[in-house]
Amino acid sequence: MRLLKNYLCRLSACTLLLLPFLLAPLLFGRAHPYQPPQPLPADPFTDLHCHTAGLGAGGSGCFVSDALRHSFKLRFYLRAFGVT
């Protein structure tokens, strides 16, 4: 029962966070918020992005998969970002 309650709570929170994005087309009069695909630029470019993860502190429900948790890579990731 507690697991179901946690799941529904997270689902509600996600829905509330996504609601503005779902309603944006109605509010701004666009068919959808996306642009059509564009060709890649001819000049070199740099892709910058990040990956986030949580370890479930404070009952957040975030997790790192067992495969990554037991991988040598996790130690390097944590050390690189100064996480203990």
Protein backbone atom coordinates (compact mmCIF):
# COMPACT_ATOMS: atom_id res chain seq x y z
CA MET A 1 0.00 0.00 0.00
CA ARG A 2 2.84 2.38 0.89
CA LEU A 3 4.54 1.64 -2.42
CA LEU A 4 1.34 2.46 -4.31
CA LYS A 5 0.94 5.70 -2.33
CA ASN A 6 4.54 6.72 -3.15
CA TYR A 7 4.00 5.89 -6.81
CA LEU A 8 0.79 7.93 -7.00
CA CYS A 9 2.44 10.84 -5.19
CA ARG A 10 5.34 10.86 -7.68
CA LEU A 11 2.92 10.53 -10.60
CA SER A 12 0.92 13.51 -9.32
CA ALA A 13 4.06 15.60 -8.90
CA CYS A 14 5.25 14.74 -12.43
CA THR A 15 1.84 15.56 -13.85
CA LEU A 16 1.83 18.95 -12.14
CA LEU A 17 5.32 19.70 -13.43
CA LEU A 18 4.39 18.71 -16.99
CA LEU A 19 1.00 20.41 -17.04
CA PRO A 20 2.31 23.86 -18.12
CA PHE A 21 4.15 22.27 -21.06
CA LEU A 22 1.05 20.38 -22.11
CA LEU A 23 -1.12 23.50 -21.88
CA ALA A 24 1.40 25.83 -23.57
CA PRO A 25 0.08 25.19 -27.11
CA LEU A 26 -3.42 26.20 -25.99
CA LEU A 27 -2.18 29.31 -24.21
CA PHE A 28 0.16 30.49 -26.96
CA GLY A 29 -1.85 29.40 -29.98
CA ARG A 30 0.73 27.03 -31.46
CA ALA A 31 -0.09 23.58 -32.77
CA HIS A 32 2.82 22.18 -30.75
CA PRO A 33 5.89 23.59 -29.02
CA TYR A 34 8.41 21.92 -31.31
CA GLN A 35 10.18 23.22 -34.39
CA PRO A 36 10.52 21.05 -37.48
CA PRO A 37 13.85 19.20 -37.79
CA GLN A 38 16.69 21.29 -39.16
CA PRO A 39 19.79 20.00 -40.98
CA LEU A 40 22.96 19.86 -38.91
CA PRO A 41 25.30 22.83 -39.38
CA ALA A 42 28.23 22.37 -41.73
CA ASP A 43 30.64 23.83 -39.16
CA PRO A 44 31.79 21.70 -36.21
CA PHE A 45 29.79 22.13 -33.03
CA THR A 46 30.00 20.93 -29.45
CA ASP A 47 27.25 18.92 -27.80
CA LEU A 48 26.88 19.92 -24.15
CA HIS A 49 24.55 17.98 -21.89
CA CYS A 50 24.51 16.40 -18.45
CA HIS A 51 23.15 13.29 -16.83
CA THR A 52 21.61 13.50 -13.38
CA ALA A 53 20.99 10.77 -10.87
CA GLY A 54 19.92 10.44 -7.30
CA LEU A 55 20.58 7.93 -4.58
CA GLY A 56 17.17 8.20 -2.93
CA ALA A 57 18.21 10.53 -0.12
CA GLY A 58 15.27 11.83 1.88
CA GLY A 59 12.90 9.29 0.32
CA SER A 60 13.01 11.01 -3.08
CA GLY A 61 12.56 7.77 -4.99
CA CYS A 62 15.53 8.55 -7.26
CA PHE A 63 17.89 5.69 -7.88
CA VAL A 64 20.96 4.51 -9.73
CA SER A 65 20.60 1.11 -11.38
CA ASP A 66 22.31 -1.85 -9.75
CA ALA A 67 24.45 -2.26 -12.86
CA LEU A 68 25.84 1.28 -12.53
CA ARG A 69 26.00 1.14 -8.73
CA HIS A 70 28.33 -1.88 -8.95
CA SER A 71 30.29 -0.52 -11.92
CA PHE A 72 33.77 0.98 -11.64
CA LYS A 73 32.41 4.09 -13.40
CA LEU A 74 30.24 5.27 -10.50
CA ARG A 75 33.27 5.88 -8.28
CA PHE A 76 34.80 8.12 -10.96
CA TYR A 77 31.53 10.00 -11.51
CA LEU A 78 31.08 10.70 -7.82
CA ARG A 79 34.71 11.77 -7.35
CA ALA A 80 34.60 14.04 -10.41
CA PHE A 81 31.64 15.96 -8.95
CA GLY A 82 32.85 15.92 -5.36
CA VAL A 83 29.94 13.78 -4.18
CA THR A 84 30.39 11.54 -1.15
